Amino acid sequence: MDLTDGSFVLELPYADDRELIMDILKYVADVEVVWTGSLKKRVRSEIQKMADTG
């Protein structure tokens, strides 16, 4: 779904969130996980781990 600001919403099914999280982390500066489920928490956790290790 294209938004008026030029961004878009991508919705896709997935079975294993590990691969999806890796894809999200590749583009972390340019993406936002808007679903408030466990995926968003896992992405935040991975980002925090990366920040902590440095």
PDB file of N, CA and C in Angstrom:
ATOM      1  N   MET A   1       0.848  -1.168   0.000  1.00  0.00           N
ATOM      2  CA  MET A   1       0.000   0.000   0.000  1.00  0.00           C
ATOM      3  C   MET A   1       0.899   1.237   0.000  1.00  0.00           C
ATOM      4  N   ASP A   2       0.758   2.084  -0.980  1.00  0.00           N
ATOM      5  CA  ASP A   2       1.518   3.331  -1.050  1.00  0.00           C
ATOM      6  C   ASP A   2       0.866   4.377  -0.154  1.00  0.00           C
ATOM      7  N   LEU A   3       1.697   5.129   0.552  1.00  0.00           N
ATOM      8  CA  LEU A   3       1.213   6.194   1.418  1.00  0.00           C
ATOM      9  C   LEU A   3       1.476   7.546   0.768  1.00  0.00           C
ATOM     10  N   THR A   4       0.812   8.578   1.233  1.00  0.00           N
ATOM     11  CA  THR A   4       0.925   9.901   0.614  1.00  0.00           C
ATOM     12  C   THR A   4       2.311  10.514   0.757  1.00  0.00           C
ATOM     13  N   ASP A   5       3.096  10.071   1.734  1.00  0.00           N
ATOM     14  CA  ASP A   5       4.434  10.632   1.922  1.00  0.00           C
ATOM     15  C   ASP A   5       5.499   9.930   1.083  1.00  0.00           C
ATOM     16  N   GLY A   6       5.074   9.008   0.215  1.00  0.00           N
ATOM     17  CA  GLY A   6       6.020   8.303  -0.640  1.00  0.00           C
ATOM     18  C   GLY A   6       6.485   6.976  -0.077  1.00  0.00           C
ATOM     19  N   SER A   7       6.168   6.708   1.162  1.00  0.00           N
ATOM     20  CA  SER A   7       6.528   5.423   1.747  1.00  0.00           C
ATOM     21  C   SER A   7       5.438   4.408   1.424  1.00  0.00           C
ATOM     22  N   PHE A   8       5.657   3.179   1.816  1.00  0.00           N
ATOM     23  CA  PHE A   8       4.640   2.159   1.570  1.00  0.00           C
ATOM     24  C   PHE A   8       4.630   1.145   2.696  1.00  0.00           C
ATOM     25  N   VAL A   9       3.530   0.452   2.810  1.00  0.00           N
ATOM     26  CA  VAL A   9       3.361  -0.596   3.809  1.00  0.00           C
ATOM     27  C   VAL A   9       3.484  -1.934   3.094  1.00  0.00           C
ATOM     28  N   LEU A  10       4.348  -2.773   3.604  1.00  0.00           N
ATOM     29  CA  LEU A  10       4.550  -4.098   3.044  1.00  0.00           C
ATOM     30  C   LEU A  10       4.029  -5.121   4.043  1.00  0.00           C
ATOM     31  N   GLU A  11       3.067  -5.899   3.634  1.00  0.00           N
ATOM     32  CA  GLU A  11       2.519  -6.961   4.474  1.00  0.00           C
ATOM     33  C   GLU A  11       2.850  -8.294   3.822  1.00  0.00           C
ATOM     34  N   LEU A  12       3.444  -9.211   4.589  1.00  0.00           N
ATOM     35  CA  LEU A  12       3.759 -10.495   4.015  1.00  0.00           C
ATOM     36  C   LEU A  12       3.685 -11.582   5.073  1.00  0.00           C
ATOM     37  N   PRO A  13       3.267 -12.763   4.677  1.00  0.00           N
ATOM     38  CA  PRO A  13       3.233 -13.878   5.621  1.00  0.00           C
ATOM     39  C   PRO A  13       4.643 -14.442   5.802  1.00  0.00           C
ATOM     40  N   TYR A  14       4.890 -15.023   6.950  1.00  0.00           N
ATOM     41  CA  TYR A  14       6.177 -15.662   7.184  1.00  0.00           C
ATOM     42  C   TYR A  14       5.997 -16.780   8.198  1.00  0.00           C
ATOM     43  N   ALA A  15       6.823 -17.788   8.087  1.00  0.00           N
ATOM     44  CA  ALA A  15       6.744 -18.926   8.994  1.00  0.00           C
ATOM     45  C   ALA A  15       7.823 -18.846  10.063  1.00  0.00           C
ATOM     46  N   ASP A  16       8.993 -18.369   9.680  1.00  0.00           N
ATOM     47  CA  ASP A  16      10.132 -18.312  10.599  1.00  0.00           C
ATOM     48  C   ASP A  16      10.594 -16.865  10.689  1.00  0.00           C
ATOM     49  N   ASP A  17      10.417 -16.251  11.845  1.00  0.00           N
ATOM     50  CA  ASP A  17      10.728 -14.826  11.948  1.00  0.00           C
ATOM     51  C   ASP A  17      12.219 -14.519  11.939  1.00  0.00           C
ATOM     52  N   ARG A  18      13.080 -15.507  12.110  1.00  0.00           N
ATOM     53  CA  ARG A  18      14.527 -15.235  12.108  1.00  0.00           C
ATOM     54  C   ARG A  18      14.985 -14.656  10.773  1.00  0.00           C
ATOM     55  N   GLU A  19      14.538 -15.241   9.680  1.00  0.00           N
ATOM     56  CA  GLU A  19      14.940 -14.732   8.367  1.00  0.00           C
ATOM     57  C   GLU A  19      14.347 -13.351   8.109  1.00  0.00           C
ATOM     58  N   LEU A  20      13.106 -13.156   8.487  1.00  0.00           N
ATOM     59  CA  LEU A  20      12.469 -11.855   8.310  1.00  0.00           C
ATOM     60  C   LEU A  20      13.182 -10.787   9.138  1.00  0.00           C
ATOM     61  N   ILE A  21      13.561 -11.113  10.364  1.00  0.00           N
ATOM     62  CA  ILE A  21      14.280 -10.163  11.219  1.00  0.00           C
ATOM     63  C   ILE A  21      15.614  -9.786  10.588  1.00  0.00           C
ATOM     64  N   MET A  22      16.321 -10.750  10.027  1.00  0.00           N
ATOM     65  CA  MET A  22      17.593 -10.443   9.368  1.00  0.00           C
ATOM     66  C   MET A  22      17.380  -9.479   8.197  1.00  0.00           C
ATOM     67  N   ASP A  23      16.316  -9.683   7.438  1.00  0.00           N
ATOM     68  CA  ASP A  23      16.016  -8.766   6.332  1.00  0.00           C
ATOM     69  C   ASP A  23      15.672  -7.375   6.850  1.00  0.00           C
ATOM     70  N   ILE A  24      14.910  -7.299   7.914  1.00  0.00           N
ATOM     71  CA  ILE A  24      14.565  -5.999   8.508  1.00  0.00           C
ATOM     72  C   ILE A  24      15.825  -5.289   8.982  1.00  0.00           C
ATOM     73  N   LEU A  25      16.728  -6.023   9.624  1.00  0.00           N
ATOM     74  CA  LEU A  25      17.948  -5.413  10.151  1.00  0.00           C
ATOM     75  C   LEU A  25      18.864  -4.897   9.041  1.00  0.00           C
ATOM     76  N   LYS A  26      18.792  -5.478   7.866  1.00  0.00           N
ATOM     77  CA  LYS A  26      19.592  -4.982   6.736  1.00  0.00           C
ATOM     78  C   LYS A  26      19.216  -3.548   6.378  1.00  0.00           C
ATOM     79  N   TYR A  27      17.950  -3.215   6.597  1.00  0.00           N
ATOM     80  CA  TYR A  27      17.430  -1.911   6.190  1.00  0.00           C
ATOM     81  C   TYR A  27      16.917  -1.114   7.382  1.00  0.00           C
ATOM     82  N   VAL A  28      17.464  -1.387   8.558  1.00  0.00           N
ATOM     83  CA  VAL A  28      16.906  -0.846   9.802  1.00  0.00           C
ATOM     84  C   VAL A  28      16.783   0.680   9.802  1.00  0.00           C
ATOM     85  N   ALA A  29      17.659   1.372   9.120  1.00  0.00           N
ATOM     86  CA  ALA A  29      17.580   2.835   9.093  1.00  0.00           C
ATOM     87  C   ALA A  29      16.418   3.331   8.241  1.00  0.00           C
ATOM     88  N   ASP A  30      15.895   2.459   7.391  1.00  0.00           N
ATOM     89  CA  ASP A  30      14.858   2.878   6.448  1.00  0.00           C
ATOM     90  C   ASP A  30      13.512   2.196   6.654  1.00  0.00           C
ATOM     91  N   VAL A  31      13.390   1.367   7.682  1.00  0.00           N
ATOM     92  CA  VAL A  31      12.135   0.636   7.893  1.00  0.00           C
ATOM     93  C   VAL A  31      11.591   0.873   9.295  1.00  0.00           C
ATOM     94  N   GLU A  32      10.309   0.617   9.432  1.00  0.00           N
ATOM     95  CA  GLU A  32       9.649   0.664  10.735  1.00  0.00           C
ATOM     96  C   GLU A  32       8.695  -0.522  10.805  1.00  0.00           C
ATOM     97  N   VAL A  33       8.832  -1.311  11.855  1.00  0.00           N
ATOM     98  CA  VAL A  33       7.900  -2.414  12.069  1.00  0.00           C
ATOM     99  C   VAL A  33       6.701  -1.828  12.798  1.00  0.00           C
ATOM    100  N   VAL A  34       5.553  -1.843  12.149  1.00  0.00           N
ATOM    101  CA  VAL A  34       4.379  -1.200  12.736  1.00  0.00           C
ATOM    102  C   VAL A  34       3.467  -2.181  13.452  1.00  0.00           C
ATOM    103  N   TRP A  35       3.634  -3.456  13.212  1.00  0.00           N
ATOM    104  CA  TRP A  35       2.835  -4.441  13.916  1.00  0.00           C
ATOM    105  C   TRP A  35       3.343  -4.535  15.343  1.00  0.00           C
ATOM    106  N   THR A  36       2.458  -4.551  16.309  1.00  0.00           N
ATOM    107  CA  THR A  36       2.875  -4.489  17.711  1.00  0.00           C
ATOM    108  C   THR A  36       3.047  -5.856  18.350  1.00  0.00           C
ATOM    109  N   GLY A  37       3.094  -6.897  17.560  1.00  0.00           N
ATOM    110  CA  GLY A  37       3.245  -8.247  18.091  1.00  0.00           C
ATOM    111  C   GLY A  37       4.679  -8.570  18.466  1.00  0.00           C
ATOM    112  N   SER A  38       4.943  -9.843  18.599  1.00  0.00           N
ATOM    113  CA  SER A  38       6.255 -10.299  19.045  1.00  0.00           C
ATOM    114  C   SER A  38       7.365  -9.954  18.058  1.00  0.00           C
ATOM    115  N   LEU A  39       7.044  -9.807  16.778  1.00  0.00           N
ATOM    116  CA  LEU A  39       8.076  -9.465  15.795  1.00  0.00           C
ATOM    117  C   LEU A  39       8.729  -8.136  16.141  1.00  0.00           C
ATOM    118  N   LYS A  40       7.945  -7.145  16.470  1.00  0.00           N
ATOM    119  CA  LYS A  40       8.484  -5.829  16.813  1.00  0.00           C
ATOM    120  C   LYS A  40       9.399  -5.931  18.033  1.00  0.00           C
ATOM    121  N   LYS A  41       9.001  -6.705  19.024  1.00  0.00           N
ATOM    122  CA  LYS A  41       9.821  -6.895  20.224  1.00  0.00           C
ATOM    123  C   LYS A  41      11.128  -7.593  19.890  1.00  0.00           C
ATOM    124  N   ARG A  42      11.073  -8.594  19.016  1.00  0.00           N
ATOM    125  CA  ARG A  42      12.287  -9.316  18.632  1.00  0.00           C
ATOM    126  C   ARG A  42      13.241  -8.411  17.863  1.00  0.00           C
ATOM    127  N   VAL A  43      12.711  -7.577  16.976  1.00  0.00           N
ATOM    128  CA  VAL A  43      13.563  -6.649  16.226  1.00  0.00           C
ATOM    129  C   VAL A  43      14.225  -5.668  17.183  1.00  0.00           C
ATOM    130  N   ARG A  44      13.465  -5.119  18.114  1.00  0.00           N
ATOM    131  CA  ARG A  44      14.043  -4.204  19.112  1.00  0.00           C
ATOM    132  C   ARG A  44      15.144  -4.890  19.909  1.00  0.00           C
ATOM    133  N   SER A  45      14.902  -6.126  20.300  1.00  0.00           N
ATOM    134  CA  SER A  45      15.888  -6.880  21.068  1.00  0.00           C
ATOM    135  C   SER A  45      17.176  -7.069  20.272  1.00  0.00           C
ATOM    136  N   GLU A  46      17.061  -7.408  19.004  1.00  0.00           N
ATOM    137  CA  GLU A  46      18.244  -7.590  18.162  1.00  0.00           C
ATOM    138  C   GLU A  46      19.003  -6.276  17.984  1.00  0.00           C
ATOM    139  N   ILE A  47      18.295  -5.185  17.813  1.00  0.00           N
ATOM    140  CA  ILE A  47      18.942  -3.877  17.687  1.00  0.00           C
ATOM    141  C   ILE A  47      19.671  -3.533  18.976  1.00  0.00           C
ATOM    142  N   GLN A  48      19.060  -3.810  20.120  1.00  0.00           N
ATOM    143  CA  GLN A  48      19.700  -3.534  21.410  1.00  0.00           C
ATOM    144  C   GLN A  48      20.958  -4.379  21.580  1.00  0.00           C
ATOM    145  N   LYS A  49      20.907  -5.642  21.194  1.00  0.00           N
ATOM    146  CA  LYS A  49      22.090  -6.505  21.272  1.00  0.00           C
ATOM    147  C   LYS A  49      23.220  -5.936  20.428  1.00  0.00           C
ATOM    148  N   MET A  50      22.884  -5.464  19.224  1.00  0.00           N
ATOM    149  CA  MET A  50      23.902  -4.886  18.348  1.00  0.00           C
ATOM    150  C   MET A  50      24.500  -3.633  18.975  1.00  0.00           C
ATOM    151  N   ALA A  51      23.679  -2.814  19.601  1.00  0.00           N
ATOM    152  CA  ALA A  51      24.165  -1.584  20.233  1.00  0.00           C
ATOM    153  C   ALA A  51      25.047  -1.905  21.433  1.00  0.00           C
ATOM    154  N   ASP A  52      24.679  -2.923  22.186  1.00  0.00           N
ATOM    155  CA  ASP A  52      25.440  -3.292  23.377  1.00  0.00           C
ATOM    156  C   ASP A  52      26.808  -3.870  23.045  1.00  0.00           C
ATOM    157  N   THR A  53      26.932  -4.525  21.901  1.00  0.00           N
ATOM    158  CA  THR A  53      28.203  -5.142  21.540  1.00  0.00           C
ATOM    159  C   THR A  53      29.060  -4.238  20.671  1.00  0.00           C
ATOM    160  N   GLY A  54      28.498  -3.125  20.294  1.00  0.00           N
ATOM    161  CA  GLY A  54      29.143  -2.256  19.589  1.00  0.00           C
ATOM    162  C   GLY A  54      29.821  -1.553  18.712  1.00  0.00           C
TER     163      GLY A  54
END
